[in-house]
Amino acid sequence: MNVETRTVGIKKWIRRGLIGFVLMLALVIGGTGFQVWQHARQDDRTKADAVVVLGAAQYAGRPSPILEARLQHAKNLYDRGVAEHIITGGGRQTGDLYTEAEAGSRWLTSRGVPQDKVIAVGEGSDTLGTIDAVAKTALDRGWHTAVIVSDPWHSLRARTMAHDAGLSAWTSPTHRGPVVQTREIQARYILRETAALLYYRVFNAPADDIGVDL
């Protein structure tokens, strides 16, 4: 075999390798996106030790529309006896007077949920930090199961992180609020969550540094 023939053969194998890599990458991304979409449609209201509300923006103690939708759904689950306690999670941004957890707790108690049934865990600046803090609080109380309330597209990543933190968790997402208003918004959030979940699975870290964490 002459040099030219060998070079052609090498280039052919490199091209095949690249094509195979691209196809494999497309399958991984597509499969993860499908899992995010599929999990967003699940609503598991099995009885648990606690309902966990993941934080979102708040303004001087007043929940944003996204957070309020999550809190309303959590209260509905509590009222139906899904759990005897609600844990609100989320820290504060620089300059904030309240944590997301405190804003959530204030909203719930002002609407009839007893104060001793709401536990505010005001830690975490991203999903992973919040879930780690919430899981520690729950486990310290002897609680091992949780229903996680967030937006539909956030469900799979939140549940994955909760399992990794030691909780047996399932999800009951809210289907109200700005995140689920239009198909365009839904598609954008599915893409963001797909990227964030893949980043977490590879690096075991939140994806806030690539601008996709919620």
N, C-alpha and C. Protein backbone atom coordinates (compact mmCIF):
# COMPACT_ATOMS: atom_id res chain seq x y z
N MET A 1 0.85 -1.20 0.00
CA MET A 1 0.00 0.00 0.00
C MET A 1 0.89 1.25 0.00
N ASN A 2 0.67 2.11 -1.00
CA ASN A 2 1.49 3.31 -1.06
C ASN A 2 1.00 4.37 -0.08
N VAL A 3 1.79 5.43 0.04
CA VAL A 3 1.50 6.49 1.01
C VAL A 3 0.17 7.17 0.71
N GLU A 4 -0.10 7.42 -0.56
CA GLU A 4 -1.33 8.10 -0.93
C GLU A 4 -2.55 7.28 -0.54
N THR A 5 -2.50 5.97 -0.82
CA THR A 5 -3.62 5.09 -0.47
C THR A 5 -3.82 5.04 1.04
N ARG A 6 -2.70 4.97 1.79
CA ARG A 6 -2.78 4.94 3.25
C ARG A 6 -3.39 6.23 3.79
N THR A 7 -3.03 7.36 3.21
CA THR A 7 -3.56 8.65 3.65
C THR A 7 -5.06 8.74 3.41
N VAL A 8 -5.48 8.26 2.23
CA VAL A 8 -6.92 8.25 1.93
C VAL A 8 -7.67 7.38 2.92
N GLY A 9 -7.11 6.24 3.28
CA GLY A 9 -7.74 5.34 4.24
C GLY A 9 -7.87 5.96 5.62
N ILE A 10 -6.82 6.65 6.05
CA ILE A 10 -6.84 7.31 7.36
C ILE A 10 -7.91 8.39 7.40
N LYS A 11 -7.95 9.19 6.32
CA LYS A 11 -8.96 10.27 6.26
C LYS A 11 -10.37 9.70 6.30
N LYS A 12 -10.56 8.55 5.64
CA LYS A 12 -11.88 7.92 5.62
C LYS A 12 -12.30 7.49 7.02
N TRP A 13 -11.36 6.90 7.78
CA TRP A 13 -11.68 6.45 9.13
C TRP A 13 -11.91 7.64 10.06
N ILE A 14 -11.16 8.71 9.86
CA ILE A 14 -11.38 9.91 10.67
C ILE A 14 -12.76 10.49 10.39
N ARG A 15 -13.13 10.54 9.11
CA ARG A 15 -14.44 11.06 8.74
C ARG A 15 -15.55 10.21 9.34
N ARG A 16 -15.39 8.89 9.28
CA ARG A 16 -16.39 8.00 9.86
C ARG A 16 -16.47 8.18 11.38
N GLY A 17 -15.31 8.35 11.99
CA GLY A 17 -15.28 8.56 13.43
C GLY A 17 -16.00 9.84 13.84
N LEU A 18 -15.78 10.91 13.06
CA LEU A 18 -16.43 12.18 13.35
C LEU A 18 -17.94 12.08 13.17
N ILE A 19 -18.35 11.41 12.10
CA ILE A 19 -19.77 11.23 11.85
C ILE A 19 -20.41 10.43 12.98
N GLY A 20 -19.71 9.38 13.41
CA GLY A 20 -20.22 8.56 14.51
C GLY A 20 -20.33 9.35 15.80
N PHE A 21 -19.33 10.20 16.07
CA PHE A 21 -19.35 11.02 17.27
C PHE A 21 -20.51 12.01 17.24
N VAL A 22 -20.72 12.65 16.09
CA VAL A 22 -21.80 13.61 15.95
C VAL A 22 -23.16 12.92 16.15
N LEU A 23 -23.32 11.74 15.57
CA LEU A 23 -24.57 11.00 15.71
C LEU A 23 -24.80 10.60 17.17
N MET A 24 -23.75 10.14 17.83
CA MET A 24 -23.87 9.75 19.23
C MET A 24 -24.23 10.96 20.09
N LEU A 25 -23.59 12.10 19.81
CA LEU A 25 -23.89 13.32 20.56
C LEU A 25 -25.33 13.75 20.35
N ALA A 26 -25.80 13.64 19.10
CA ALA A 26 -27.18 14.01 18.80
C ALA A 26 -28.16 13.10 19.53
N LEU A 27 -27.84 11.81 19.62
CA LEU A 27 -28.70 10.88 20.33
C LEU A 27 -28.75 11.19 21.82
N VAL A 28 -27.60 11.53 22.40
CA VAL A 28 -27.55 11.86 23.83
C VAL A 28 -28.37 13.11 24.12
N ILE A 29 -28.15 14.15 23.30
CA ILE A 29 -28.88 15.41 23.51
C ILE A 29 -30.37 15.21 23.26
N GLY A 30 -30.69 14.54 22.17
CA GLY A 30 -32.10 14.30 21.85
C GLY A 30 -32.79 13.44 22.90
N GLY A 31 -32.09 12.41 23.36
CA GLY A 31 -32.66 11.53 24.39
C GLY A 31 -32.89 12.26 25.70
N THR A 32 -31.94 13.12 26.07
CA THR A 32 -32.09 13.89 27.30
C THR A 32 -33.24 14.88 27.19
N GLY A 33 -33.33 15.54 26.03
CA GLY A 33 -34.44 16.47 25.81
C GLY A 33 -35.78 15.76 25.89
N PHE A 34 -35.86 14.55 25.35
CA PHE A 34 -37.10 13.79 25.42
C PHE A 34 -37.43 13.43 26.86
N GLN A 35 -36.41 13.08 27.66
CA GLN A 35 -36.64 12.76 29.07
C GLN A 35 -37.16 13.98 29.83
N VAL A 36 -36.58 15.16 29.54
CA VAL A 36 -37.04 16.39 30.18
C VAL A 36 -38.51 16.64 29.84
N TRP A 37 -38.86 16.51 28.57
CA TRP A 37 -40.24 16.70 28.12
C TRP A 37 -41.17 15.68 28.75
N GLN A 38 -40.75 14.42 28.76
CA GLN A 38 -41.59 13.34 29.29
C GLN A 38 -41.82 13.52 30.79
N HIS A 39 -40.76 13.86 31.53
CA HIS A 39 -40.89 14.01 32.97
C HIS A 39 -41.75 15.22 33.32
N ALA A 40 -41.72 16.23 32.47
CA ALA A 40 -42.53 17.43 32.71
C ALA A 40 -44.02 17.11 32.71
N ARG A 41 -44.41 16.03 32.06
CA ARG A 41 -45.82 15.66 31.96
C ARG A 41 -46.28 14.80 33.13
N GLN A 42 -45.35 14.37 33.98
CA GLN A 42 -45.69 13.52 35.12
C GLN A 42 -46.13 14.37 36.30
N ASP A 43 -47.12 13.90 37.02
CA ASP A 43 -47.62 14.60 38.20
C ASP A 43 -47.90 13.55 39.27
N ASP A 44 -46.91 13.29 40.11
CA ASP A 44 -46.98 12.23 41.11
C ASP A 44 -47.35 12.85 42.46
N ARG A 45 -48.54 12.54 42.94
CA ARG A 45 -49.02 13.09 44.21
C ARG A 45 -49.06 12.05 45.31
N THR A 46 -48.16 11.07 45.22
CA THR A 46 -48.03 10.06 46.27
C THR A 46 -47.67 10.75 47.59
N LYS A 47 -48.25 10.29 48.68
CA LYS A 47 -48.02 10.90 49.99
C LYS A 47 -46.54 10.84 50.35
N ALA A 48 -46.02 11.94 50.91
CA ALA A 48 -44.60 12.04 51.24
C ALA A 48 -44.43 12.73 52.59
N ASP A 49 -43.20 12.78 53.06
CA ASP A 49 -42.91 13.46 54.32
C ASP A 49 -43.07 14.97 54.19
N ALA A 50 -42.74 15.50 53.02
CA ALA A 50 -42.81 16.95 52.84
C ALA A 50 -43.01 17.31 51.37
N VAL A 51 -43.65 18.44 51.17
CA VAL A 51 -43.69 19.07 49.85
C VAL A 51 -42.56 20.09 49.82
N VAL A 52 -41.73 20.04 48.80
CA VAL A 52 -40.59 20.96 48.67
C VAL A 52 -40.86 21.93 47.54
N VAL A 53 -40.84 23.22 47.86
CA VAL A 53 -41.04 24.26 46.85
C VAL A 53 -39.68 24.88 46.53
N LEU A 54 -39.23 24.73 45.31
CA LEU A 54 -37.96 25.35 44.91
C LEU A 54 -38.15 26.84 44.68
N GLY A 55 -37.17 27.61 45.09
CA GLY A 55 -37.29 29.06 45.04
C GLY A 55 -37.21 29.65 43.65
N ALA A 56 -37.70 30.86 43.54
CA ALA A 56 -37.58 31.68 42.33
C ALA A 56 -37.58 33.12 42.82
N ALA A 57 -37.54 34.05 41.92
CA ALA A 57 -37.38 35.45 42.29
C ALA A 57 -38.48 35.93 43.24
N GLN A 58 -38.08 36.86 44.13
CA GLN A 58 -39.03 37.53 45.01
C GLN A 58 -38.64 39.00 45.08
N TYR A 59 -39.62 39.83 45.37
CA TYR A 59 -39.39 41.28 45.39
C TYR A 59 -39.85 41.84 46.73
N ALA A 60 -38.87 42.14 47.59
CA ALA A 60 -39.16 42.69 48.93
C ALA A 60 -40.15 41.81 49.69
N GLY A 61 -39.97 40.51 49.59
CA GLY A 61 -40.83 39.57 50.29
C GLY A 61 -42.05 39.14 49.53
N ARG A 62 -42.27 39.70 48.35
CA ARG A 62 -43.43 39.32 47.53
C ARG A 62 -42.98 38.38 46.43
N PRO A 63 -43.53 37.17 46.37
CA PRO A 63 -43.12 36.21 45.35
C PRO A 63 -43.38 36.71 43.94
N SER A 64 -42.46 36.42 43.03
CA SER A 64 -42.69 36.69 41.61
C SER A 64 -43.81 35.78 41.11
N PRO A 65 -44.37 36.06 39.93
CA PRO A 65 -45.42 35.19 39.39
C PRO A 65 -44.99 33.72 39.29
N ILE A 66 -43.73 33.48 38.94
CA ILE A 66 -43.24 32.09 38.85
C ILE A 66 -43.27 31.43 40.21
N LEU A 67 -42.73 32.12 41.23
CA LEU A 67 -42.71 31.55 42.57
C LEU A 67 -44.12 31.40 43.14
N GLU A 68 -44.98 32.37 42.89
CA GLU A 68 -46.35 32.30 43.40
C GLU A 68 -47.09 31.09 42.83
N ALA A 69 -46.86 30.80 41.56
CA ALA A 69 -47.51 29.63 40.95
C ALA A 69 -47.05 28.35 41.63
N ARG A 70 -45.77 28.28 41.96
CA ARG A 70 -45.25 27.10 42.66
C ARG A 70 -45.86 26.99 44.06
N LEU A 71 -45.93 28.12 44.76
CA LEU A 71 -46.46 28.12 46.12
C LEU A 71 -47.93 27.73 46.15
N GLN A 72 -48.71 28.23 45.20
CA GLN A 72 -50.13 27.88 45.14
C GLN A 72 -50.30 26.39 44.92
N HIS A 73 -49.47 25.82 44.05
CA HIS A 73 -49.56 24.38 43.79
C HIS A 73 -49.17 23.59 45.04
N ALA A 74 -48.12 24.04 45.73
CA ALA A 74 -47.70 23.36 46.95
C ALA A 74 -48.81 23.40 48.01
N LYS A 75 -49.47 24.55 48.13
CA LYS A 75 -50.57 24.66 49.10
C LYS A 75 -51.71 23.71 48.73
N ASN A 76 -52.00 23.60 47.45
CA ASN A 76 -53.04 22.67 47.01
C ASN A 76 -52.69 21.23 47.42
N LEU A 77 -51.41 20.86 47.26
CA LEU A 77 -50.98 19.52 47.65
C LEU A 77 -51.10 19.34 49.16
N TYR A 78 -50.70 20.35 49.91
CA TYR A 78 -50.81 20.30 51.37
C TYR A 78 -52.27 20.16 51.79
N ASP A 79 -53.14 20.96 51.19
CA ASP A 79 -54.56 20.92 51.54
C ASP A 79 -55.18 19.56 51.23
N ARG A 80 -54.63 18.85 50.25
CA ARG A 80 -55.15 17.54 49.89
C ARG A 80 -54.51 16.41 50.68
N GLY A 81 -53.62 16.77 51.61
CA GLY A 81 -53.03 15.77 52.48
C GLY A 81 -51.86 15.00 51.89
N VAL A 82 -51.26 15.53 50.83
CA VAL A 82 -50.11 14.85 50.22
C VAL A 82 -48.94 14.82 51.20
N ALA A 83 -48.78 15.86 52.00
CA ALA A 83 -47.73 15.90 53.02
C ALA A 83 -48.18 16.81 54.16
N GLU A 84 -47.61 16.59 55.35
CA GLU A 84 -47.99 17.39 56.51
C GLU A 84 -47.13 18.64 56.67
N HIS A 85 -46.07 18.73 55.89
CA HIS A 85 -45.18 19.89 55.98
C HIS A 85 -44.80 20.38 54.58
N ILE A 86 -44.50 21.65 54.51
CA ILE A 86 -44.00 22.26 53.28
C ILE A 86 -42.64 22.88 53.58
N ILE A 87 -41.65 22.56 52.76
CA ILE A 87 -40.33 23.17 52.88
C ILE A 87 -40.17 24.15 51.72
N THR A 88 -39.90 25.41 52.05
CA THR A 88 -39.61 26.40 51.01
C THR A 88 -38.10 26.58 50.93
N GLY A 89 -37.57 26.64 49.73
CA GLY A 89 -36.12 26.75 49.55
C GLY A 89 -35.73 27.97 48.76
N GLY A 90 -34.44 28.32 48.88
CA GLY A 90 -33.90 29.42 48.08
C GLY A 90 -33.29 30.52 48.92
N GLY A 91 -32.12 30.98 48.51
CA GLY A 91 -31.41 32.03 49.24
C GLY A 91 -31.82 33.42 48.78
N ARG A 92 -30.91 34.37 48.96
CA ARG A 92 -31.22 35.75 48.60
C ARG A 92 -30.15 36.29 47.65
N GLN A 93 -30.53 37.24 46.83
CA GLN A 93 -29.60 37.95 45.97
C GLN A 93 -29.01 39.13 46.74
N THR A 94 -27.90 39.64 46.27
CA THR A 94 -27.26 40.77 46.94
C THR A 94 -28.23 41.95 47.05
N GLY A 95 -28.38 42.46 48.26
CA GLY A 95 -29.25 43.60 48.49
C GLY A 95 -30.67 43.24 48.88
N ASP A 96 -31.04 41.96 48.76
CA ASP A 96 -32.40 41.54 49.12
C ASP A 96 -32.59 41.52 50.63
N LEU A 97 -33.78 41.90 51.09
CA LEU A 97 -34.10 41.85 52.51
C LEU A 97 -34.60 40.47 52.92
N TYR A 98 -35.17 39.75 51.96
CA TYR A 98 -35.74 38.43 52.24
C TYR A 98 -35.09 37.37 51.35
N THR A 99 -35.02 36.16 51.87
CA THR A 99 -34.64 35.04 51.02
C THR A 99 -35.87 34.57 50.25
N GLU A 100 -35.64 33.82 49.20
CA GLU A 100 -36.76 33.24 48.46
C GLU A 100 -37.57 32.32 49.37
N ALA A 101 -36.88 31.61 50.25
CA ALA A 101 -37.56 30.71 51.19
C ALA A 101 -38.46 31.49 52.14
N GLU A 102 -37.97 32.63 52.64
CA GLU A 102 -38.77 33.45 53.55
C GLU A 102 -39.99 34.02 52.84
N ALA A 103 -39.79 34.49 51.63
CA ALA A 103 -40.93 35.02 50.86
C ALA A 103 -41.98 33.94 50.66
N GLY A 104 -41.54 32.72 50.37
CA GLY A 104 -42.46 31.61 50.19
C GLY A 104 -43.19 31.27 51.47
N SER A 105 -42.45 31.25 52.58
CA SER A 105 -43.05 30.94 53.87
C SER A 105 -44.10 31.98 54.25
N ARG A 106 -43.79 33.26 54.06
CA ARG A 106 -44.73 34.34 54.38
C ARG A 106 -46.00 34.20 53.54
N TRP A 107 -45.85 33.87 52.27
CA TRP A 107 -47.01 33.73 51.39
C TRP A 107 -47.90 32.59 51.86
N LEU A 108 -47.31 31.46 52.21
CA LEU A 108 -48.08 30.29 52.63
C LEU A 108 -48.81 30.54 53.95
N THR A 109 -48.09 31.09 54.93
CA THR A 109 -48.72 31.29 56.24
C THR A 109 -49.80 32.37 56.18
N SER A 110 -49.64 33.33 55.26
CA SER A 110 -50.67 34.37 55.13
C SER A 110 -51.93 33.82 54.48
N ARG A 111 -51.84 32.61 53.96
CA ARG A 111 -53.00 31.98 53.30
C ARG A 111 -53.47 30.75 54.04
N GLY A 112 -53.15 30.70 55.32
CA GLY A 112 -53.78 29.69 56.16
C GLY A 112 -52.96 28.47 56.52
N VAL A 113 -51.75 28.32 55.97
CA VAL A 113 -50.93 27.18 56.35
C VAL A 113 -50.28 27.50 57.70
N PRO A 114 -50.44 26.66 58.71
CA PRO A 114 -49.87 26.94 60.04
C PRO A 114 -48.35 27.13 59.98
N GLN A 115 -47.85 28.04 60.80
CA GLN A 115 -46.42 28.34 60.79
C GLN A 115 -45.57 27.13 61.12
N ASP A 116 -46.06 26.26 62.01
CA ASP A 116 -45.26 25.10 62.39
C ASP A 116 -45.26 24.01 61.32
N LYS A 117 -46.01 24.24 60.24
CA LYS A 117 -46.03 23.28 59.13
C LYS A 117 -45.17 23.75 57.95
N VAL A 118 -44.58 24.94 58.08
CA VAL A 118 -43.75 25.49 57.00
C VAL A 118 -42.32 25.67 57.50
N ILE A 119 -41.37 25.10 56.78
CA ILE A 119 -39.96 25.22 57.14
C ILE A 119 -39.25 25.96 56.02
N ALA A 120 -38.70 27.12 56.34
CA ALA A 120 -37.98 27.92 55.34
C ALA A 120 -36.49 27.60 55.41
N VAL A 121 -35.93 27.20 54.29
CA VAL A 121 -34.50 26.90 54.20
C VAL A 121 -33.88 27.92 53.26
N GLY A 122 -33.42 29.01 53.82
CA GLY A 122 -32.94 30.15 53.03
C GLY A 122 -31.51 30.05 52.59
N GLU A 123 -31.15 28.95 51.95
CA GLU A 123 -29.79 28.74 51.46
C GLU A 123 -29.85 28.31 50.00
N GLY A 124 -28.77 28.63 49.29
CA GLY A 124 -28.67 28.20 47.90
C GLY A 124 -28.92 29.31 46.92
N SER A 125 -27.98 29.49 46.01
CA SER A 125 -28.13 30.50 44.96
C SER A 125 -28.42 29.86 43.61
N ASP A 126 -28.57 28.55 43.60
CA ASP A 126 -28.89 27.80 42.38
C ASP A 126 -29.63 26.54 42.79
N THR A 127 -30.08 25.78 41.82
CA THR A 127 -30.88 24.59 42.11
C THR A 127 -30.13 23.60 42.99
N LEU A 128 -28.88 23.33 42.67
CA LEU A 128 -28.11 22.34 43.42
C LEU A 128 -27.91 22.78 44.86
N GLY A 129 -27.52 24.03 45.06
CA GLY A 129 -27.32 24.53 46.41
C GLY A 129 -28.59 24.48 47.24
N THR A 130 -29.71 24.86 46.63
CA THR A 130 -30.99 24.84 47.32
C THR A 130 -31.39 23.42 47.70
N ILE A 131 -31.28 22.50 46.77
CA ILE A 131 -31.68 21.12 47.04
C ILE A 131 -30.78 20.48 48.07
N ASP A 132 -29.49 20.73 48.02
CA ASP A 132 -28.59 20.18 49.04
C ASP A 132 -28.98 20.66 50.43
N ALA A 133 -29.29 21.96 50.56
CA ALA A 133 -29.68 22.52 51.85
C ALA A 133 -31.02 21.95 52.32
N VAL A 134 -31.96 21.85 51.40
CA VAL A 134 -33.28 21.30 51.74
C VAL A 134 -33.16 19.84 52.15
N ALA A 135 -32.38 19.06 51.41
CA ALA A 135 -32.21 17.64 51.72
C ALA A 135 -31.60 17.46 53.11
N LYS A 136 -30.61 18.27 53.44
CA LYS A 136 -29.99 18.17 54.76
C LYS A 136 -31.00 18.47 55.87
N THR A 137 -31.81 19.51 55.68
CA THR A 137 -32.82 19.86 56.65
C THR A 137 -33.84 18.74 56.82
N ALA A 138 -34.28 18.18 55.70
CA ALA A 138 -35.27 17.09 55.75
C ALA A 138 -34.69 15.86 56.43
N LEU A 139 -33.50 15.46 56.05
CA LEU A 139 -32.89 14.26 56.62
C LEU A 139 -32.60 14.43 58.10
N ASP A 140 -32.21 15.64 58.51
CA ASP A 140 -31.98 15.91 59.94
C ASP A 140 -33.25 15.74 60.76
N ARG A 141 -34.40 15.94 60.13
CA ARG A 141 -35.69 15.77 60.81
C ARG A 141 -36.22 14.35 60.69
N GLY A 142 -35.47 13.49 60.03
CA GLY A 142 -35.90 12.11 59.86
C GLY A 142 -36.84 11.91 58.70
N TRP A 143 -36.90 12.91 57.79
CA TRP A 143 -37.75 12.80 56.61
C TRP A 143 -36.92 12.30 55.44
N HIS A 144 -37.47 11.37 54.70
CA HIS A 144 -36.71 10.76 53.60
C HIS A 144 -37.43 10.83 52.25
N THR A 145 -38.69 11.27 52.26
CA THR A 145 -39.43 11.35 51.00
C THR A 145 -39.95 12.76 50.79
N ALA A 146 -40.03 13.16 49.53
CA ALA A 146 -40.46 14.52 49.21
C ALA A 146 -41.11 14.58 47.85
N VAL A 147 -42.12 15.44 47.76
CA VAL A 147 -42.71 15.80 46.47
C VAL A 147 -42.16 17.17 46.11
N ILE A 148 -41.46 17.26 44.99
CA ILE A 148 -40.83 18.51 44.59
C ILE A 148 -41.76 19.29 43.67
N VAL A 149 -41.95 20.56 44.02
CA VAL A 149 -42.78 21.45 43.20
C VAL A 149 -41.89 22.48 42.53
N SER A 150 -41.91 22.50 41.22
CA SER A 150 -41.21 23.50 40.44
C SER A 150 -41.94 23.63 39.12
N ASP A 151 -41.29 24.19 38.11
CA ASP A 151 -41.89 24.26 36.79
C ASP A 151 -41.72 22.92 36.08
N PRO A 152 -42.58 22.59 35.14
CA PRO A 152 -42.54 21.27 34.51
C PRO A 152 -41.16 20.89 33.96
N TRP A 153 -40.53 21.82 33.24
CA TRP A 153 -39.27 21.51 32.56
C TRP A 153 -38.11 21.35 33.54
N HIS A 154 -38.29 21.83 34.75
CA HIS A 154 -37.27 21.77 35.80
C HIS A 154 -37.33 20.47 36.57
N SER A 155 -38.40 19.70 36.37
CA SER A 155 -38.69 18.55 37.23
C SER A 155 -37.61 17.48 37.22
N LEU A 156 -37.15 17.07 36.05
CA LEU A 156 -36.21 15.96 35.98
C LEU A 156 -34.89 16.31 36.65
N ARG A 157 -34.37 17.50 36.39
CA ARG A 157 -33.09 17.90 36.99
C ARG A 157 -33.23 18.01 38.50
N ALA A 158 -34.34 18.59 38.97
CA ALA A 158 -34.55 18.73 40.41
C ALA A 158 -34.64 17.36 41.08
N ARG A 159 -35.37 16.46 40.46
CA ARG A 159 -35.50 15.12 41.04
C ARG A 159 -34.16 14.39 41.05
N THR A 160 -33.41 14.51 39.98
CA THR A 160 -32.09 13.87 39.90
C THR A 160 -31.18 14.37 41.01
N MET A 161 -31.16 15.68 41.22
CA MET A 161 -30.32 16.26 42.27
C MET A 161 -30.79 15.83 43.66
N ALA A 162 -32.11 15.77 43.86
CA ALA A 162 -32.65 15.35 45.15
C ALA A 162 -32.25 13.91 45.47
N HIS A 163 -32.34 13.03 44.49
CA HIS A 163 -31.92 11.65 44.69
C HIS A 163 -30.44 11.59 45.05
N ASP A 164 -29.63 12.36 44.36
CA ASP A 164 -28.19 12.37 44.64
C ASP A 164 -27.90 12.90 46.04
N ALA A 165 -28.80 13.76 46.56
CA ALA A 165 -28.62 14.33 47.90
C ALA A 165 -29.18 13.43 48.99
N GLY A 166 -29.76 12.30 48.62
CA GLY A 166 -30.20 11.33 49.61
C GLY A 166 -31.68 11.26 49.86
N LEU A 167 -32.47 12.02 49.10
CA LEU A 167 -33.92 11.98 49.27
C LEU A 167 -34.56 11.06 48.23
N SER A 168 -35.60 10.37 48.64
CA SER A 168 -36.45 9.66 47.70
C SER A 168 -37.50 10.67 47.26
N ALA A 169 -37.41 11.13 46.03
CA ALA A 169 -38.24 12.26 45.61
C ALA A 169 -38.96 11.98 44.31
N TRP A 170 -40.12 12.59 44.18
CA TRP A 170 -40.86 12.59 42.92
C TRP A 170 -41.39 14.00 42.71
N THR A 171 -42.02 14.24 41.60
CA THR A 171 -42.35 15.62 41.25
C THR A 171 -43.83 15.81 40.93
N SER A 172 -44.32 16.98 41.31
CA SER A 172 -45.66 17.42 40.96
C SER A 172 -45.53 18.87 40.51
N PRO A 173 -45.25 19.10 39.23
CA PRO A 173 -44.97 20.46 38.76
C PRO A 173 -46.23 21.31 38.63
N THR A 174 -46.02 22.59 38.74
CA THR A 174 -47.12 23.52 38.49
C THR A 174 -47.29 23.71 36.99
N HIS A 175 -48.52 23.88 36.56
CA HIS A 175 -48.79 24.13 35.14
C HIS A 175 -49.43 25.50 34.94
N ARG A 176 -49.10 26.41 35.88
CA ARG A 176 -49.55 27.79 35.80
C ARG A 176 -48.32 28.68 35.79
N GLY A 177 -48.50 29.93 35.41
CA GLY A 177 -47.40 30.88 35.49
C GLY A 177 -46.75 31.15 34.15
N PRO A 178 -45.81 32.10 34.11
CA PRO A 178 -45.20 32.55 32.85
C PRO A 178 -44.44 31.48 32.10
N VAL A 179 -43.89 30.50 32.81
CA VAL A 179 -43.03 29.50 32.17
C VAL A 179 -43.81 28.59 31.23
N VAL A 180 -45.11 28.45 31.43
CA VAL A 180 -45.89 27.50 30.63
C VAL A 180 -46.94 28.20 29.76
N GLN A 181 -46.73 29.44 29.44
CA GLN A 181 -47.76 30.20 28.73
C GLN A 181 -47.82 29.91 27.23
N THR A 182 -46.67 29.82 26.57
CA THR A 182 -46.68 29.63 25.12
C THR A 182 -45.76 28.48 24.73
N ARG A 183 -45.97 27.95 23.55
CA ARG A 183 -45.12 26.86 23.06
C ARG A 183 -43.68 27.33 22.87
N GLU A 184 -43.51 28.57 22.46
CA GLU A 184 -42.16 29.11 22.27
C GLU A 184 -41.40 29.14 23.59
N ILE A 185 -42.06 29.60 24.64
CA ILE A 185 -41.42 29.64 25.96
C ILE A 185 -41.13 28.22 26.44
N GLN A 186 -42.07 27.31 26.23
CA GLN A 186 -41.86 25.93 26.65
C GLN A 186 -40.66 25.31 25.94
N ALA A 187 -40.55 25.52 24.63
CA ALA A 187 -39.43 24.97 23.87
C ALA A 187 -38.10 25.54 24.36
N ARG A 188 -38.09 26.82 24.66
CA ARG A 188 -36.85 27.45 25.13
C ARG A 188 -36.42 26.86 26.48
N TYR A 189 -37.38 26.65 27.36
CA TYR A 189 -37.04 26.09 28.67
C TYR A 189 -36.62 24.63 28.57
N ILE A 190 -37.21 23.88 27.66
CA ILE A 190 -36.78 22.49 27.47
C ILE A 190 -35.33 22.45 27.01
N LEU A 191 -34.96 23.33 26.08
CA LEU A 191 -33.57 23.39 25.61
C LEU A 191 -32.63 23.78 26.74
N ARG A 192 -33.02 24.76 27.53
CA ARG A 192 -32.19 25.19 28.66
C ARG A 192 -32.01 24.06 29.66
N GLU A 193 -33.10 23.38 29.99
CA GLU A 193 -33.02 22.31 30.98
C GLU A 193 -32.23 21.12 30.46
N THR A 194 -32.33 20.85 29.16
CA THR A 194 -31.54 19.77 28.57
C THR A 194 -30.05 20.07 28.74
N ALA A 195 -29.65 21.29 28.43
CA ALA A 195 -28.25 21.68 28.59
C ALA A 195 -27.82 21.63 30.05
N ALA A 196 -28.66 22.13 30.95
CA ALA A 196 -28.32 22.16 32.37
C ALA A 196 -28.21 20.76 32.95
N LEU A 197 -29.10 19.85 32.55
CA LEU A 197 -29.05 18.49 33.06
C LEU A 197 -27.81 17.75 32.56
N LEU A 198 -27.49 17.91 31.29
CA LEU A 198 -26.29 17.28 30.75
C LEU A 198 -25.04 17.82 31.45
N TYR A 199 -25.01 19.12 31.71
CA TYR A 199 -23.88 19.72 32.40
C TYR A 199 -23.74 19.14 33.80
N TYR A 200 -24.86 18.99 34.49
CA TYR A 200 -24.82 18.43 35.85
C TYR A 200 -24.35 16.98 35.83
N ARG A 201 -24.85 16.20 34.88
CA ARG A 201 -24.47 14.79 34.82
C ARG A 201 -22.99 14.61 34.52
N VAL A 202 -22.42 15.51 33.75
CA VAL A 202 -21.01 15.40 33.38
C VAL A 202 -20.10 15.95 34.49
N PHE A 203 -20.46 17.12 35.02
CA PHE A 203 -19.57 17.82 35.95
C PHE A 203 -20.04 17.78 37.40
N ASN A 204 -21.24 17.23 37.66
CA ASN A 204 -21.82 17.19 39.00
C ASN A 204 -21.81 18.58 39.63
N ALA A 205 -22.20 19.56 38.85
CA ALA A 205 -22.19 20.95 39.28
C ALA A 205 -23.36 21.67 38.63
N PRO A 206 -23.81 22.78 39.26
CA PRO A 206 -24.89 23.56 38.64
C PRO A 206 -24.41 24.24 37.38
N ALA A 207 -25.34 24.56 36.51
CA ALA A 207 -24.99 25.13 35.22
C ALA A 207 -25.17 26.63 35.18
N ASP A 208 -25.11 27.30 36.35
CA ASP A 208 -25.32 28.73 36.35
C ASP A 208 -24.21 29.48 35.63
N ASP A 209 -23.02 28.86 35.57
CA ASP A 209 -21.91 29.52 34.89
C ASP A 209 -22.04 29.50 33.38
N ILE A 210 -22.98 28.71 32.84
CA ILE A 210 -23.24 28.79 31.40
C ILE A 210 -24.60 29.42 31.13
N GLY A 211 -25.16 30.00 32.18
CA GLY A 211 -26.36 30.81 32.01
C GLY A 211 -27.65 30.08 31.81
N VAL A 212 -27.76 28.85 32.33
CA VAL A 212 -29.00 28.10 32.13
C VAL A 212 -29.63 27.65 33.43
N ASP A 213 -29.04 27.92 34.56
CA ASP A 213 -29.63 27.44 35.79
C ASP A 213 -30.87 28.26 36.15
N LEU A 214 -31.82 27.59 36.80
CA LEU A 214 -33.07 28.24 37.21
C LEU A 214 -33.13 28.35 38.72
